[in-house]
């Protein structure tokens, strides 16, 4: 098992990761075109990490950087985390979270956080098995701007 931070030349691995997200999150939305995905991978405020087993992407996560106005250090918002069902419950997700937190610490981030819906029991139980420092219950409001 290896964990790798993707770069702008990692489109194939990024697309593999997105397909895993689609499977894990049961998402049937169409994937953005290659130009959009390459733009995202080139964005300095976005990171994608993958887990590979035998050189094949089996999971990963994405991070958006939140620049703060209270202080000078940024926050890493872990947006999606997913591991292929065949590779779950083998410690890969926990190793990924630990590696990413180490990356964030080495790169002088204030903190990192991830949100999980309270009714997603498996996700909540997974994050509770990682080395987190605090847990906060919050209510999420969404504004549909498509109209």
Protein backbone atom coordinates (compact mmCIF):
# COMPACT_ATOMS: atom_id res chain seq x y z
CA UNK A 1 0.00 0.00 0.00
CA UNK A 2 1.23 3.46 -0.85
CA UNK A 3 -0.29 6.92 -0.39
CA UNK A 4 0.40 9.50 -3.06
CA UNK A 5 -0.43 13.19 -3.41
CA UNK A 6 -1.64 13.82 -6.94
CA UNK A 7 -0.33 16.61 -9.15
CA UNK A 8 -1.53 18.25 -12.36
CA UNK A 9 -0.23 15.28 -14.40
CA UNK A 10 -2.27 12.74 -12.41
CA UNK A 11 -5.55 12.95 -14.33
CA UNK A 12 -5.93 9.18 -14.79
CA UNK A 13 -5.50 8.49 -11.06
CA UNK A 14 -7.83 11.38 -10.19
CA UNK A 15 -10.53 9.99 -12.48
CA UNK A 16 -10.11 6.56 -10.85
CA UNK A 17 -10.55 8.18 -7.43
CA UNK A 18 -13.71 9.98 -8.57
CA UNK A 19 -15.16 6.68 -9.80
CA UNK A 20 -14.51 5.22 -6.33
CA UNK A 21 -16.27 8.21 -4.78
CA UNK A 22 -19.23 7.68 -7.12
CA UNK A 23 -19.47 4.03 -6.04
CA UNK A 24 -18.99 4.62 -2.32
CA UNK A 25 -21.36 7.61 -2.16
CA UNK A 26 -23.84 6.09 -4.64
CA UNK A 27 -23.55 9.22 -6.76
CA UNK A 28 -24.80 9.14 -10.34
CA UNK A 29 -23.85 12.72 -11.27
CA UNK A 30 -21.75 13.05 -14.43
CA UNK A 31 -18.03 13.66 -13.92
CA UNK A 32 -16.64 16.98 -15.12
CA UNK A 33 -14.65 17.06 -18.35
CA UNK A 34 -10.88 16.56 -18.40
CA UNK A 35 -10.22 20.29 -18.71
CA UNK A 36 -12.13 20.99 -15.48
CA UNK A 37 -10.45 18.11 -13.65
CA UNK A 38 -6.98 19.28 -14.77
CA UNK A 39 -7.84 22.82 -13.65
CA UNK A 40 -8.83 21.47 -10.23
CA UNK A 41 -5.62 19.43 -9.92
CA UNK A 42 -3.62 22.57 -10.80
CA UNK A 43 -5.41 24.70 -8.19
CA UNK A 44 -3.01 25.45 -5.29
CA UNK A 45 -6.01 25.42 -2.90
CA UNK A 46 -6.98 21.84 -3.75
CA UNK A 47 -5.23 18.56 -2.99
CA UNK A 48 -6.07 14.98 -3.87
CA UNK A 49 -4.42 11.98 -2.24
CA UNK A 50 -4.82 8.39 -3.38
CA UNK A 51 -4.18 5.02 -1.83
CA UNK A 52 -2.67 2.51 -4.23
CA UNK A 53 -2.40 -1.23 -3.84
CA UNK A 54 -0.26 -2.93 -6.48
CA UNK A 55 -0.17 0.40 -8.39
CA UNK A 56 -3.99 0.53 -8.60
CA UNK A 57 -6.01 3.35 -7.00
CA UNK A 58 -8.27 1.84 -4.34
CA UNK A 59 -9.21 4.96 -2.40
CA UNK A 60 -8.30 8.47 -1.45
CA UNK A 61 -9.50 11.86 -0.37
CA UNK A 62 -9.72 15.45 -1.50
CA UNK A 63 -8.94 18.62 0.42
CA UNK A 64 -9.94 22.24 -0.10
CA UNK A 65 -7.76 24.85 1.59
CA UNK A 66 -9.63 27.45 3.63
CA UNK A 67 -7.68 30.64 4.17
CA UNK A 68 -8.48 32.17 7.53
CA UNK A 69 -8.89 35.77 8.60
CA UNK A 70 -8.32 34.83 12.26
CA UNK A 71 -4.66 34.04 12.10
CA UNK A 72 -2.22 33.27 9.33
CA UNK A 73 -2.42 29.49 9.09
CA UNK A 74 -4.89 27.80 6.75
CA UNK A 75 -7.36 25.03 7.49
CA UNK A 76 -7.58 21.84 5.43
CA UNK A 77 -11.19 20.89 4.74
CA UNK A 78 -11.23 17.19 3.91
CA UNK A 79 -14.11 17.10 1.45
CA UNK A 80 -14.47 13.48 0.33
CA UNK A 81 -12.92 10.29 1.68
CA UNK A 82 -13.56 6.96 0.04
CA UNK A 83 -12.11 3.48 -0.18
CA UNK A 84 -13.33 0.82 -2.62
CA UNK A 85 -15.65 -1.60 -0.82
CA UNK A 86 -13.30 -4.54 -1.49
CA UNK A 87 -10.52 -2.71 0.39
CA UNK A 88 -12.51 -1.32 3.33
CA UNK A 89 -11.90 -2.41 6.92
CA UNK A 90 -8.21 -3.07 6.26
CA UNK A 91 -6.83 0.09 7.89
CA UNK A 92 -6.27 1.93 4.60
CA UNK A 93 -8.62 4.81 5.41
CA UNK A 94 -7.08 5.32 8.85
CA UNK A 95 -3.59 5.27 7.33
CA UNK A 96 -4.73 7.82 4.74
CA UNK A 97 -6.15 10.20 7.36
CA UNK A 98 -2.96 9.89 9.43
CA UNK A 99 -0.74 10.56 6.39
CA UNK A 100 -2.80 13.57 5.33
CA UNK A 101 -2.79 15.02 8.85
CA UNK A 102 0.99 14.60 8.91
CA UNK A 103 1.22 16.36 5.52
CA UNK A 104 -0.92 19.23 6.83
CA UNK A 105 1.18 19.53 9.99
CA UNK A 106 4.42 19.57 7.96
CA UNK A 107 2.95 22.26 5.71
CA UNK A 108 2.02 24.51 8.63
CA UNK A 109 -1.77 24.20 8.55
CA UNK A 110 -3.70 25.28 11.65
CA UNK A 111 -5.91 22.19 11.54
CA UNK A 112 -7.80 19.79 9.32
CA UNK A 113 -11.40 18.73 9.57
CA UNK A 114 -13.94 16.52 7.88
CA UNK A 115 -17.72 16.55 8.07
CA UNK A 116 -19.93 13.48 8.18
CA UNK A 117 -23.70 13.37 8.14
CA UNK A 118 -24.93 12.15 11.51
CA UNK A 119 -27.16 9.52 9.93
CA UNK A 120 -24.19 8.03 8.03
CA UNK A 121 -23.36 5.70 10.90
CA UNK A 122 -20.50 3.93 9.09
CA UNK A 123 -18.73 7.22 8.31
CA UNK A 124 -19.18 8.54 11.85
CA UNK A 125 -17.87 5.27 13.32
CA UNK A 126 -14.90 5.35 10.93
CA UNK A 127 -13.88 8.90 11.88
CA UNK A 128 -14.26 8.06 15.57
CA UNK A 129 -11.59 5.36 15.08
CA UNK A 130 -9.09 7.94 13.78
CA UNK A 131 -6.93 10.16 15.98
CA UNK A 132 -9.16 13.25 15.97
CA UNK A 133 -8.88 15.98 18.58
CA UNK A 134 -12.53 17.09 18.86
CA UNK A 135 -15.99 16.29 17.58
CA UNK A 136 -18.67 18.89 16.88
CA UNK A 137 -22.31 18.34 15.97
CA UNK A 138 -23.58 20.90 13.44
CA UNK A 139 -26.53 21.46 11.17
CA UNK A 140 -25.81 21.90 7.47
CA UNK A 141 -27.87 24.30 5.33
CA UNK A 142 -27.73 24.14 1.54
CA UNK A 143 -28.81 26.87 -0.85
CA UNK A 144 -29.80 25.58 -4.31
CA UNK A 145 -28.64 28.23 -6.75
CA UNK A 146 -29.76 26.49 -9.95
CA UNK A 147 -32.97 28.54 -10.30
